[in-house]
Structures are given as C-alpha cells and as structure tokens.
C-alpha atoms as a PDB file:
ATOM      1  CA  MET A   1       2.489   0.519  25.167  1.00  0.00           C
ATOM      2  CA  TRP A   2       5.728   2.477  24.664  1.00  0.00           C
ATOM      3  CA  VAL A   3       4.061   5.811  24.242  1.00  0.00           C
ATOM      4  CA  ILE A   4       1.931   5.281  27.728  1.00  0.00           C
ATOM      5  CA  MET A   5       5.201   4.009  29.418  1.00  0.00           C
ATOM      6  CA  GLY A   6       7.070   7.279  28.425  1.00  0.00           C
ATOM      7  CA  LYS A   7       4.133   9.679  29.162  1.00  0.00           C
ATOM      8  CA  GLY A   8       4.464   7.847  32.683  1.00  0.00           C
ATOM      9  CA  ILE A   9       8.432   8.415  32.849  1.00  0.00           C
ATOM     10  CA  VAL A  10       7.786  11.974  31.762  1.00  0.00           C
ATOM     11  CA  ALA A  11       4.866  12.843  34.594  1.00  0.00           C
ATOM     12  CA  GLY A  12       6.985  10.940  37.021  1.00  0.00           C
ATOM     13  CA  SER A  13       9.967  12.923  37.014  1.00  0.00           C
ATOM     14  CA  GLY A  14       9.017  15.834  38.630  1.00  0.00           C
ATOM     15  CA  ALA A  15       7.661  13.639  41.446  1.00  0.00           C
ATOM     16  CA  PHE A  16      10.838  12.301  41.790  1.00  0.00           C
ATOM     17  CA  VAL A  17      12.719  15.065  41.974  1.00  0.00           C
ATOM     18  CA  LYS A  18      10.590  16.670  44.929  1.00  0.00           C
ATOM     19  CA  VAL A  19      11.581  13.522  46.561  1.00  0.00           C
ATOM     20  CA  LEU A  20      15.362  13.997  46.172  1.00  0.00           C
ATOM     21  CA  LYS A  21      15.001  17.500  47.221  1.00  0.00           C
ATOM     22  CA  LYS A  22      13.105  16.134  50.623  1.00  0.00           C
ATOM     23  CA  MET A  23      16.536  13.912  51.032  1.00  0.00           C
ATOM     24  CA  ARG A  24      18.460  17.145  51.358  1.00  0.00           C
ATOM     25  CA  ILE A  25      20.743  16.240  48.851  1.00  0.00           C
ATOM     26  CA  PRO A  26      23.533  19.083  48.446  1.00  0.00           C
ATOM     27  CA  ALA A  27      23.098  20.983  45.084  1.00  0.00           C
ATOM     28  CA  GLU A  28      26.077  19.867  43.462  1.00  0.00           C
ATOM     29  CA  LEU A  29      25.105  16.299  43.589  1.00  0.00           C
ATOM     30  CA  LEU A  30      21.361  16.963  42.909  1.00  0.00           C
ATOM     31  CA  LEU A  31      21.603  18.781  39.675  1.00  0.00           C
ATOM     32  CA  PRO A  32      23.832  15.260  37.797  1.00  0.00           C
ATOM     33  CA  VAL A  33      20.697  13.409  38.879  1.00  0.00           C
ATOM     34  CA  ILE A  34      17.772  15.565  37.846  1.00  0.00           C
ATOM     35  CA  LEU A  35      19.631  15.633  34.921  1.00  0.00           C
ATOM     36  CA  LEU A  36      19.649  11.700  34.707  1.00  0.00           C
ATOM     37  CA  VAL A  37      16.213  11.765  35.071  1.00  0.00           C
ATOM     38  CA  SER A  38      15.127  14.074  32.345  1.00  0.00           C
ATOM     39  CA  CYS A  39      17.434  11.925  29.914  1.00  0.00           C
ATOM     40  CA  ALA A  40      15.160   8.738  30.942  1.00  0.00           C
ATOM     41  CA  ASP A  41      12.407   9.717  28.535  1.00  0.00           C
ATOM     42  CA  PRO A  42      12.749   7.787  25.584  1.00  0.00           C
ATOM     43  CA  SER A  43      11.444  10.515  23.780  1.00  0.00           C
ATOM     44  CA  GLY A  44      13.192   9.232  20.078  1.00  0.00           C
ATOM     45  CA  SER A  45      10.427   6.809  20.440  1.00  0.00           C
ATOM     46  CA  LEU A  46       7.290   9.206  21.098  1.00  0.00           C
ATOM     47  CA  ALA A  47       8.417  11.781  18.748  1.00  0.00           C
ATOM     48  CA  SER A  48       8.736   9.540  15.849  1.00  0.00           C
ATOM     49  CA  LYS A  49       5.032   8.220  16.717  1.00  0.00           C
ATOM     50  CA  ASP A  50       4.338  11.973  16.494  1.00  0.00           C
ATOM     51  CA  LEU A  51       6.466  12.053  12.840  1.00  0.00           C
ATOM     52  CA  GLU A  52       4.511   9.179  11.717  1.00  0.00           C
ATOM     53  CA  ALA A  53       1.108  10.852  12.288  1.00  0.00           C
ATOM     54  CA  GLU A  54       2.716  14.131  10.619  1.00  0.00           C
ATOM     55  CA  ALA A  55       3.471  12.171   7.628  1.00  0.00           C
ATOM     56  CA  HIS A  56       0.538  10.370   7.165  1.00  0.00           C
ATOM     57  CA  LYS A  57      -1.370  13.707   7.415  1.00  0.00           C
ATOM     58  CA  ALA A  58       0.776  15.234   4.789  1.00  0.00           C
ATOM     59  CA  LEU A  59      -0.064  12.164   2.618  1.00  0.00           C
ATOM     60  CA  LEU A  60      -3.535  12.164   2.459  1.00  0.00           C
ATOM     61  CA  SER A  61      -3.113  16.138   1.980  1.00  0.00           C
ATOM     62  CA  GLY A  62      -1.669  15.261  -1.302  1.00  0.00           C
ATOM     63  CA  ASN A  63       1.925  16.432  -0.178  1.00  0.00           C
ATOM     64  CA  PRO A  64       3.800  13.302  -0.515  1.00  0.00           C
ATOM     65  CA  SER A  65       7.469  14.902  -0.801  1.00  0.00           C
ATOM     66  CA  ARG A  66       7.110  16.803   2.684  1.00  0.00           C
ATOM     67  CA  ALA A  67       5.680  12.773   3.723  1.00  0.00           C
ATOM     68  CA  VAL A  68       9.233  11.675   2.596  1.00  0.00           C
ATOM     69  CA  ARG A  69      10.559  14.026   4.448  1.00  0.00           C
ATOM     70  CA  ILE A  70       9.311  13.571   7.549  1.00  0.00           C
ATOM     71  CA  ASP A  71       8.975   9.523   7.550  1.00  0.00           C
ATOM     72  CA  ARG A  72      13.076   9.975   7.012  1.00  0.00           C
ATOM     73  CA  GLU A  73      13.132  11.813   9.967  1.00  0.00           C
ATOM     74  CA  ALA A  74      11.375   9.038  11.968  1.00  0.00           C
ATOM     75  CA  LEU A  75      13.317   6.427  10.650  1.00  0.00           C
ATOM     76  CA  ALA A  76      16.337   8.011  11.520  1.00  0.00           C
ATOM     77  CA  ARG A  77      15.227   8.293  15.076  1.00  0.00           C
ATOM     78  CA  THR A  78      13.753   4.452  15.589  1.00  0.00           C
ATOM     79  CA  PRO A  79      15.932   2.730  12.733  1.00  0.00           C
ATOM     80  CA  GLY A  80      14.334  -0.680  11.077  1.00  0.00           C
ATOM     81  CA  ASP A  81      10.656   0.232  12.225  1.00  0.00           C
ATOM     82  CA  VAL A  82       8.811  -1.661  10.118  1.00  0.00           C
ATOM     83  CA  ALA A  83       5.694   0.464   9.758  1.00  0.00           C
ATOM     84  CA  LEU A  84       8.057   3.472   8.891  1.00  0.00           C
ATOM     85  CA  MET A  85       9.553   1.814   5.968  1.00  0.00           C
ATOM     86  CA  ASN A  86       6.245   0.664   4.644  1.00  0.00           C
ATOM     87  CA  ASN A  87       5.036   4.309   4.884  1.00  0.00           C
ATOM     88  CA  LEU A  88       8.417   5.574   3.490  1.00  0.00           C
ATOM     89  CA  ALA A  89       7.991   3.440   0.385  1.00  0.00           C
ATOM     90  CA  VAL A  90       4.261   4.316  -0.036  1.00  0.00           C
ATOM     91  CA  ALA A  91       5.166   8.116   0.044  1.00  0.00           C
ATOM     92  CA  LEU A  92       8.185   7.435  -2.145  1.00  0.00           C
ATOM     93  CA  ASP A  93       6.040   5.915  -4.740  1.00  0.00           C
ATOM     94  CA  ARG A  94       3.363   8.710  -4.754  1.00  0.00           C
ATOM     95  CA  SER A  95       6.158  10.781  -5.480  1.00  0.00           C
ATOM     96  CA  GLY A  96       7.307   9.374  -8.590  1.00  0.00           C
ATOM     97  CA  LYS A  97      10.265   7.397  -7.009  1.00  0.00           C
ATOM     98  CA  LYS A  98       9.367   3.925  -7.669  1.00  0.00           C
ATOM     99  CA  ARG A  99      12.543   2.126  -7.966  1.00  0.00           C
ATOM    100  CA  GLU A 100      13.975   3.729  -4.571  1.00  0.00           C
ATOM    101  CA  ALA A 101      10.395   3.117  -3.010  1.00  0.00           C
ATOM    102  CA  GLU A 102      11.281  -0.845  -4.244  1.00  0.00           C
ATOM    103  CA  ARG A 103      14.569  -0.860  -2.747  1.00  0.00           C
ATOM    104  CA  VAL A 104      13.051   0.494   0.813  1.00  0.00           C
ATOM    105  CA  LEU A 105      10.581  -2.448   0.365  1.00  0.00           C
ATOM    106  CA  ARG A 106      12.764  -5.113  -0.646  1.00  0.00           C
ATOM    107  CA  ASP A 107      14.868  -3.981   2.843  1.00  0.00           C
ATOM    108  CA  ALA A 108      12.138  -4.126   4.917  1.00  0.00           C
ATOM    109  CA  LEU A 109      11.003  -7.906   3.525  1.00  0.00           C
ATOM    110  CA  ARG A 110      14.518  -8.975   4.070  1.00  0.00           C
ATOM    111  CA  LYS A 111      13.690  -7.872   7.766  1.00  0.00           C
ATOM    112  CA  HIS A 112      10.105  -8.893   8.075  1.00  0.00           C
ATOM    113  CA  PRO A 113       9.341 -11.501   5.278  1.00  0.00           C
ATOM    114  CA  ASP A 114       5.862 -12.527   6.190  1.00  0.00           C
ATOM    115  CA  THR A 115       4.255  -9.395   6.676  1.00  0.00           C
ATOM    116  CA  PRO A 116       0.742  -9.048   4.810  1.00  0.00           C
ATOM    117  CA  ALA A 117       1.126  -5.134   4.255  1.00  0.00           C
ATOM    118  CA  LEU A 118       5.056  -5.137   2.761  1.00  0.00           C
ATOM    119  CA  LEU A 119       4.171  -8.260   0.302  1.00  0.00           C
ATOM    120  CA  LEU A 120       0.558  -6.427  -0.996  1.00  0.00           C
ATOM    121  CA  ASN A 121       2.600  -3.120  -1.647  1.00  0.00           C
ATOM    122  CA  MET A 122       5.602  -5.313  -2.961  1.00  0.00           C
ATOM    123  CA  ALA A 123       3.152  -6.810  -5.476  1.00  0.00           C
ATOM    124  CA  ARG A 124       1.483  -3.388  -6.113  1.00  0.00           C
ATOM    125  CA  MET A 125       5.072  -1.721  -7.024  1.00  0.00           C
ATOM    126  CA  GLU A 126       6.321  -4.699  -9.271  1.00  0.00           C
ATOM    127  CA  LEU A 127       3.072  -4.441 -10.992  1.00  0.00           C
ATOM    128  CA  SER A 128       3.205  -0.693 -11.652  1.00  0.00           C
ATOM    129  CA  LEU A 129       6.741  -1.424 -13.004  1.00  0.00           C
ATOM    130  CA  GLY A 130       5.582  -4.081 -15.769  1.00  0.00           C
ATOM    131  CA  GLN A 131       6.845  -7.060 -13.234  1.00  0.00           C
ATOM    132  CA  VAL A 132       3.696  -9.033 -13.666  1.00  0.00           C
ATOM    133  CA  GLY A 133       5.475 -12.326 -12.866  1.00  0.00           C
ATOM    134  CA  SER A 134       7.123 -11.005  -9.782  1.00  0.00           C
ATOM    135  CA  ALA A 135       4.028  -9.488  -8.580  1.00  0.00           C
ATOM    136  CA  TYR A 136       2.244 -12.213  -8.928  1.00  0.00           C
ATOM    137  CA  GLY A 137       4.910 -14.051  -6.814  1.00  0.00           C
ATOM    138  CA  TYR A 138       4.706 -11.782  -3.912  1.00  0.00           C
ATOM    139  CA  ALA A 139       0.925 -11.667  -3.839  1.00  0.00           C
ATOM    140  CA  SER A 140       0.667 -15.383  -3.654  1.00  0.00           C
ATOM    141  CA  ARG A 141       2.576 -15.654  -0.613  1.00  0.00           C
ATOM    142  CA  ILE A 142      -0.379 -13.862   1.072  1.00  0.00           C
ATOM    143  CA  ILE A 143      -3.107 -16.245  -0.639  1.00  0.00           C
ATOM    144  CA  ALA A 144      -2.139 -19.119   2.287  1.00  0.00           C
ATOM    145  CA  ARG A 145      -3.069 -16.529   5.295  1.00  0.00           C
ATOM    146  CA  ASP A 146      -6.285 -16.901   6.986  1.00  0.00           C
ATOM    147  CA  ASN A 147      -6.741 -13.070   6.957  1.00  0.00           C
ATOM    148  CA  TRP A 148      -6.452 -11.417   3.647  1.00  0.00           C
ATOM    149  CA  PRO A 149      -5.240  -7.449   4.038  1.00  0.00           C
ATOM    150  CA  GLY A 150      -7.509  -4.751   2.375  1.00  0.00           C
ATOM    151  CA  GLY A 151      -7.054  -4.513  -1.266  1.00  0.00           C
ATOM    152  CA  PHE A 152      -5.721  -7.818  -1.641  1.00  0.00           C
ATOM    153  CA  ARG A 153      -8.803  -9.067  -4.089  1.00  0.00           C
ATOM    154  CA  THR A 154      -8.795  -6.069  -6.270  1.00  0.00           C
ATOM    155  CA  LEU A 155      -4.934  -6.503  -6.708  1.00  0.00           C
ATOM    156  CA  MET A 156      -4.997 -10.054  -7.486  1.00  0.00           C
ATOM    157  CA  GLY A 157      -7.731  -9.350 -10.184  1.00  0.00           C
ATOM    158  CA  LYS A 158      -5.475  -6.852 -11.872  1.00  0.00           C
ATOM    159  CA  ILE A 159      -2.580  -9.201 -11.688  1.00  0.00           C
ATOM    160  CA  ASP A 160      -4.417 -11.936 -13.261  1.00  0.00           C
ATOM    161  CA  ILE A 161      -5.880  -9.525 -15.859  1.00  0.00           C
ATOM    162  CA  ASP A 162      -2.473  -8.663 -16.903  1.00  0.00           C
ATOM    163  CA  ARG A 163      -1.659 -12.495 -16.998  1.00  0.00           C
ATOM    164  CA  GLY A 164      -4.094 -13.270 -19.120  1.00  0.00           C
ATOM    165  CA  ASP A 165      -6.143 -15.201 -16.417  1.00  0.00           C
ATOM    166  CA  TYR A 166      -9.584 -13.789 -16.860  1.00  0.00           C
ATOM    167  CA  ARG A 167     -11.516 -16.460 -14.910  1.00  0.00           C
ATOM    168  CA  GLU A 168      -9.466 -16.088 -11.866  1.00  0.00           C
ATOM    169  CA  ALA A 169      -9.444 -12.644 -12.056  1.00  0.00           C
ATOM    170  CA  HIS A 170     -13.219 -12.910 -12.017  1.00  0.00           C
ATOM    171  CA  LEU A 171     -13.319 -14.815  -9.062  1.00  0.00           C
ATOM    172  CA  TYR A 172     -11.521 -12.307  -6.702  1.00  0.00           C
ATOM    173  CA  LEU A 173     -12.897  -8.981  -8.435  1.00  0.00           C
ATOM    174  CA  HIS A 174     -16.670 -10.745  -8.048  1.00  0.00           C
ATOM    175  CA  GLU A 175     -15.761 -10.904  -4.265  1.00  0.00           C
ATOM    176  CA  ALA A 176     -14.072  -7.436  -4.218  1.00  0.00           C
ATOM    177  CA  GLN A 177     -17.204  -6.032  -5.762  1.00  0.00           C
ATOM    178  CA  GLU A 178     -19.422  -7.709  -3.130  1.00  0.00           C
ATOM    179  CA  ARG A 179     -17.378  -6.331  -0.358  1.00  0.00           C
ATOM    180  CA  HIS A 180     -16.793  -2.578  -2.319  1.00  0.00           C
ATOM    181  CA  PRO A 181     -20.335  -2.358  -4.584  1.00  0.00           C
ATOM    182  CA  ASP A 182     -19.552   1.361  -5.395  1.00  0.00           C
ATOM    183  CA  ASN A 183     -15.819   1.252  -6.238  1.00  0.00           C
ATOM    184  CA  PRO A 184     -15.275   2.406  -9.528  1.00  0.00           C
ATOM    185  CA  LEU A 185     -11.991   0.593 -10.173  1.00  0.00           C
ATOM    186  CA  ILE A 186     -13.212  -2.564  -9.070  1.00  0.00           C
ATOM    187  CA  LEU A 187     -16.176  -2.056 -11.650  1.00  0.00           C
ATOM    188  CA  THR A 188     -13.457  -1.016 -14.522  1.00  0.00           C
ATOM    189  CA  TYR A 189     -11.702  -4.311 -13.849  1.00  0.00           C
ATOM    190  CA  LEU A 190     -14.917  -6.246 -13.803  1.00  0.00           C
ATOM    191  CA  GLY A 191     -15.739  -4.719 -17.250  1.00  0.00           C
ATOM    192  CA  ILE A 192     -12.630  -5.718 -18.419  1.00  0.00           C
ATOM    193  CA  VAL A 193     -12.938  -8.991 -17.411  1.00  0.00           C
ATOM    194  CA  HIS A 194     -16.354  -9.483 -19.139  1.00  0.00           C
ATOM    195  CA  TYR A 195     -15.282  -7.818 -22.102  1.00  0.00           C
ATOM    196  CA  ARG A 196     -12.395 -10.278 -22.583  1.00  0.00           C
ATOM    197  CA  LEU A 197     -14.282 -13.054 -21.801  1.00  0.00           C
ATOM    198  CA  GLY A 198     -16.783 -12.538 -24.576  1.00  0.00           C
ATOM    199  CA  ASP A 199     -19.750 -10.445 -23.047  1.00  0.00           C
ATOM    200  CA  ALA A 200     -19.103  -6.982 -23.971  1.00  0.00           C
ATOM    201  CA  ALA A 201     -22.706  -6.046 -23.285  1.00  0.00           C
ATOM    202  CA  GLU A 202     -21.995  -6.903 -19.361  1.00  0.00           C
ATOM    203  CA  GLY A 203     -18.401  -5.305 -19.924  1.00  0.00           C
ATOM    204  CA  LYS A 204     -20.089  -1.859 -20.903  1.00  0.00           C
ATOM    205  CA  LYS A 205     -22.644  -2.295 -18.221  1.00  0.00           C
ATOM    206  CA  ASN A 206     -19.987  -2.294 -15.719  1.00  0.00           C
ATOM    207  CA  PHE A 207     -18.231   0.372 -17.407  1.00  0.00           C
ATOM    208  CA  ARG A 208     -21.635   2.638 -17.174  1.00  0.00           C
ATOM    209  CA  SER A 209     -21.743   1.794 -13.574  1.00  0.00           C
ATOM    210  CA  ALA A 210     -18.312   2.713 -12.766  1.00  0.00           C
ATOM    211  CA  LEU A 211     -18.887   6.337 -14.176  1.00  0.00           C
ATOM    212  CA  ARG A 212     -22.070   6.849 -12.331  1.00  0.00           C
ATOM    213  CA  ARG A 213     -19.754   6.645  -9.010  1.00  0.00           C
ATOM    214  CA  HIS A 214     -17.766   9.726  -9.960  1.00  0.00           C
ATOM    215  CA  PRO A 215     -14.247   8.489 -10.538  1.00  0.00           C
ATOM    216  CA  SER A 216     -10.949  10.378 -10.720  1.00  0.00           C
ATOM    217  CA  LYS A 217     -10.592  12.207 -13.682  1.00  0.00           C
ATOM    218  CA  GLY A 218      -7.988  10.000 -15.199  1.00  0.00           C
ATOM    219  CA  LEU A 219     -10.240   6.874 -14.644  1.00  0.00           C
ATOM    220  CA  THR A 220     -12.859   9.068 -16.131  1.00  0.00           C
ATOM    221  CA  ARG A 221     -11.196   9.591 -19.399  1.00  0.00           C
ATOM    222  CA  THR A 222     -10.389   5.462 -19.461  1.00  0.00           C
ATOM    223  CA  LEU A 223     -13.805   4.685 -18.896  1.00  0.00           C
ATOM    224  CA  GLU A 224     -14.979   7.165 -21.612  1.00  0.00           C
ATOM    225  CA  SER A 225     -12.890   5.436 -23.889  1.00  0.00           C
ATOM    226  CA  LEU A 226     -13.775   2.104 -23.330  1.00  0.00           C
ATOM    227  CA  LEU A 227     -17.614   2.772 -23.694  1.00  0.00           C
ATOM    228  CA  GLU A 228     -16.653   4.727 -26.999  1.00  0.00           C
ATOM    229  CA  ASN A 229     -14.694   2.154 -28.735  1.00  0.00           C
ATOM    230  CA  PRO A 230     -13.598  -1.002 -26.245  1.00  0.00           C
ATOM    231  CA  GLN A 231     -12.130  -2.639 -29.107  1.00  0.00           C
ATOM    232  CA  LYS A 232      -9.856  -0.135 -29.844  1.00  0.00           C
ATOM    233  CA  VAL A 233      -8.686  -0.313 -26.094  1.00  0.00           C
ATOM    234  CA  LEU A 234      -8.881  -3.550 -25.236  1.00  0.00           C
ATOM    235  CA  GLY A 235      -8.570  -5.507 -28.999  1.00  0.00           C
ATOM    236  CA  ALA A 236     -10.646  -8.460 -29.856  1.00  0.00           C
ATOM    237  CA  SER A 237     -13.783  -9.333 -27.189  1.00  0.00           C
ATOM    238  CA  ARG A 238     -13.229 -13.044 -26.782  1.00  0.00           C
ATOM    239  CA  ILE A 239      -9.815 -14.640 -25.702  1.00  0.00           C
ATOM    240  CA  ASN A 240      -8.374 -17.913 -27.112  1.00  0.00           C
ATOM    241  CA  GLU A 241      -8.666 -20.177 -24.238  1.00  0.00           C
ATOM    242  CA  SER A 242      -5.090 -21.820 -24.790  1.00  0.00           C
ATOM    243  CA  ALA A 243      -3.401 -18.885 -25.526  1.00  0.00           C
ATOM    244  CA  GLN A 244      -4.889 -17.537 -22.139  1.00  0.00           C
ATOM    245  CA  LYS A 245      -3.653 -20.737 -19.995  1.00  0.00           C
ATOM    246  CA  GLU A 246      -0.116 -20.308 -21.740  1.00  0.00           C
ATOM    247  CA  THR A 247       0.088 -16.695 -20.894  1.00  0.00           C
ATOM    248  CA  ALA A 248      -1.028 -17.365 -17.574  1.00  0.00           C
ATOM    249  CA  LEU A 249       1.826 -19.426 -16.880  1.00  0.00           C
ATOM    250  CA  SER A 250       4.844 -17.457 -18.409  1.00  0.00           C
ATOM    251  CA  GLY A 251       5.265 -14.893 -15.927  1.00  0.00           C
ATOM    252  CA  ASP A 252       7.053 -11.688 -16.634  1.00  0.00           C
ATOM    253  CA  LYS A 253       7.407 -12.832 -20.396  1.00  0.00           C
ATOM    254  CA  GLY A 254       3.722 -12.956 -20.659  1.00  0.00           C
ATOM    255  CA  ARG A 255       2.571  -9.793 -19.745  1.00  0.00           C
ATOM    256  CA  THR A 256      -0.245  -8.518 -22.084  1.00  0.00           C
ATOM    257  CA  LEU A 257      -1.990  -5.665 -23.538  1.00  0.00           C
ATOM    258  CA  SER A 258      -5.103  -7.002 -22.193  1.00  0.00           C
ATOM    259  CA  SER A 259      -6.204  -3.946 -19.889  1.00  0.00           C
ATOM    260  CA  PRO A 260      -5.226  -0.046 -20.422  1.00  0.00           C
ATOM    261  CA  ALA A 261      -3.017   1.717 -17.924  1.00  0.00           C
ATOM    262  CA  ILE A 262      -5.772   2.364 -14.908  1.00  0.00           C
ATOM    263  CA  PRO A 263      -4.699   6.059 -13.474  1.00  0.00           C
END
C-alpha cells in the first residue's frame, strides 16, 4: 500500500508544480515550494522494497554475502522492519554467520514475539547450533496456531528425531510427505524414523526413494552411506522405548546421535 501511495505522490508532484506556476507565484517563493514537494516522496520506503527484492535475488543466485550487504542497507532505511530482519538473518545464516543470525532473530522476536516465520527460523537456527531443547521450545509456540508455515512439519520431524521421539516424528513427517511426496529430505528423515523404530527394510525403501529424486550432492553422499551401512551411521535399528521417552523429555541434554548431520 505504501508503495502505491508513494508512486501517486511522485506522479502528482509535477501536476502540483504546474498549478503553482498558473498561480503566478514569484520565482523566489516558488523554488522552496517545489523542493518541499519533491521531498514529500517517501523514497526511503520505496527504495527499501527495491533493495529487499534485490537481496532476495542475490540469495537465490547463491550470493548470500551480497544479500547480507543489501539487506543491511534496506534495514538502515526502514529500521525495525520485521521482514527485512528475518531476511537478513537467513542471509547471515547462509553466509556461515550463525551466531549473528541468531542475534538478529532474537532481536526481531523481542519486537514481534508471535510471528510464525521468525519462530520457525529461530527453531531451525537453534537446531543447527545443537540446541535441540531450545529449538523445540520455539517450534512448540507454532503448534497451537491454526495455520502452520511451510516447512513446519518437516522441521518438527527433525527436532523429534534429535529428541529421540521417533513416533511423534513419524506423525509430522508422514503429513509432510503427503504434501510433498517428492521431497528427498523428508523421505530421508522418514527412512531414519522407520529404521530407528525397527523397520530397517522400510527405512532403506525410503532412502532409495529419496535417491531417485536427485537430491543435493551432500544428501546423496549421506543416503549412499545409509544404504551401504545404516547401522554404522545410525547405530542399532530398534530403539529402547523407555530410553526414548526419557530422551524426549530431557531438553538440550537429551541430544542424541540418532540421525546424521543432513546437509
């Protein structure tokens, strides 16, 4: 809406100046008025939107460092913009600056504590830093909402895998796979869950299915290792139910080696 209003002001400034000229205002008085009209354009807001689009393009093209620079410039023009703070955090994360990305997300959440996208990215960030209990805490704040953001079920599945709650992970990942049947990452997580619940054959079936979807090179290597020797990567197939429940309740201290680091 602001962008449309801004364009309207820009388009109208010339017409306004013509009206002033028809009024035969002396030149020494007309110039300050023209300058005032030209300054009325909220170009900072418009420019930040253009910068936001440029940063997004840089991120998609695989240049997160450039995205970081552009997002910082956009934020300097419109401080406190929640979408820009979120985008900057994502770009920082992809640039390998995870701790700085975490600080930006925390700052954004202090200002906008109930924003699902921020909670989701914060949960992802904490999980990548090995803070499983903290990741679960942020993700849990989304559960009660009517609409879950994209990727939430997959993230909850991975968090529950790392917490050792494989049955709960299966529920989330099954729903995620129904929505995205060709996603190799979801299929990989499902394979890990099936394996850890004692169904090694179903787990390998998921791993093979994920490989057929042409995953990234890193995930391909992980899948090949899982197919070649899943016990070496994941440990024993069937998990102990009582140990699983104890692990699921233990927060960050309950971080397990149940799943490999997925690229």
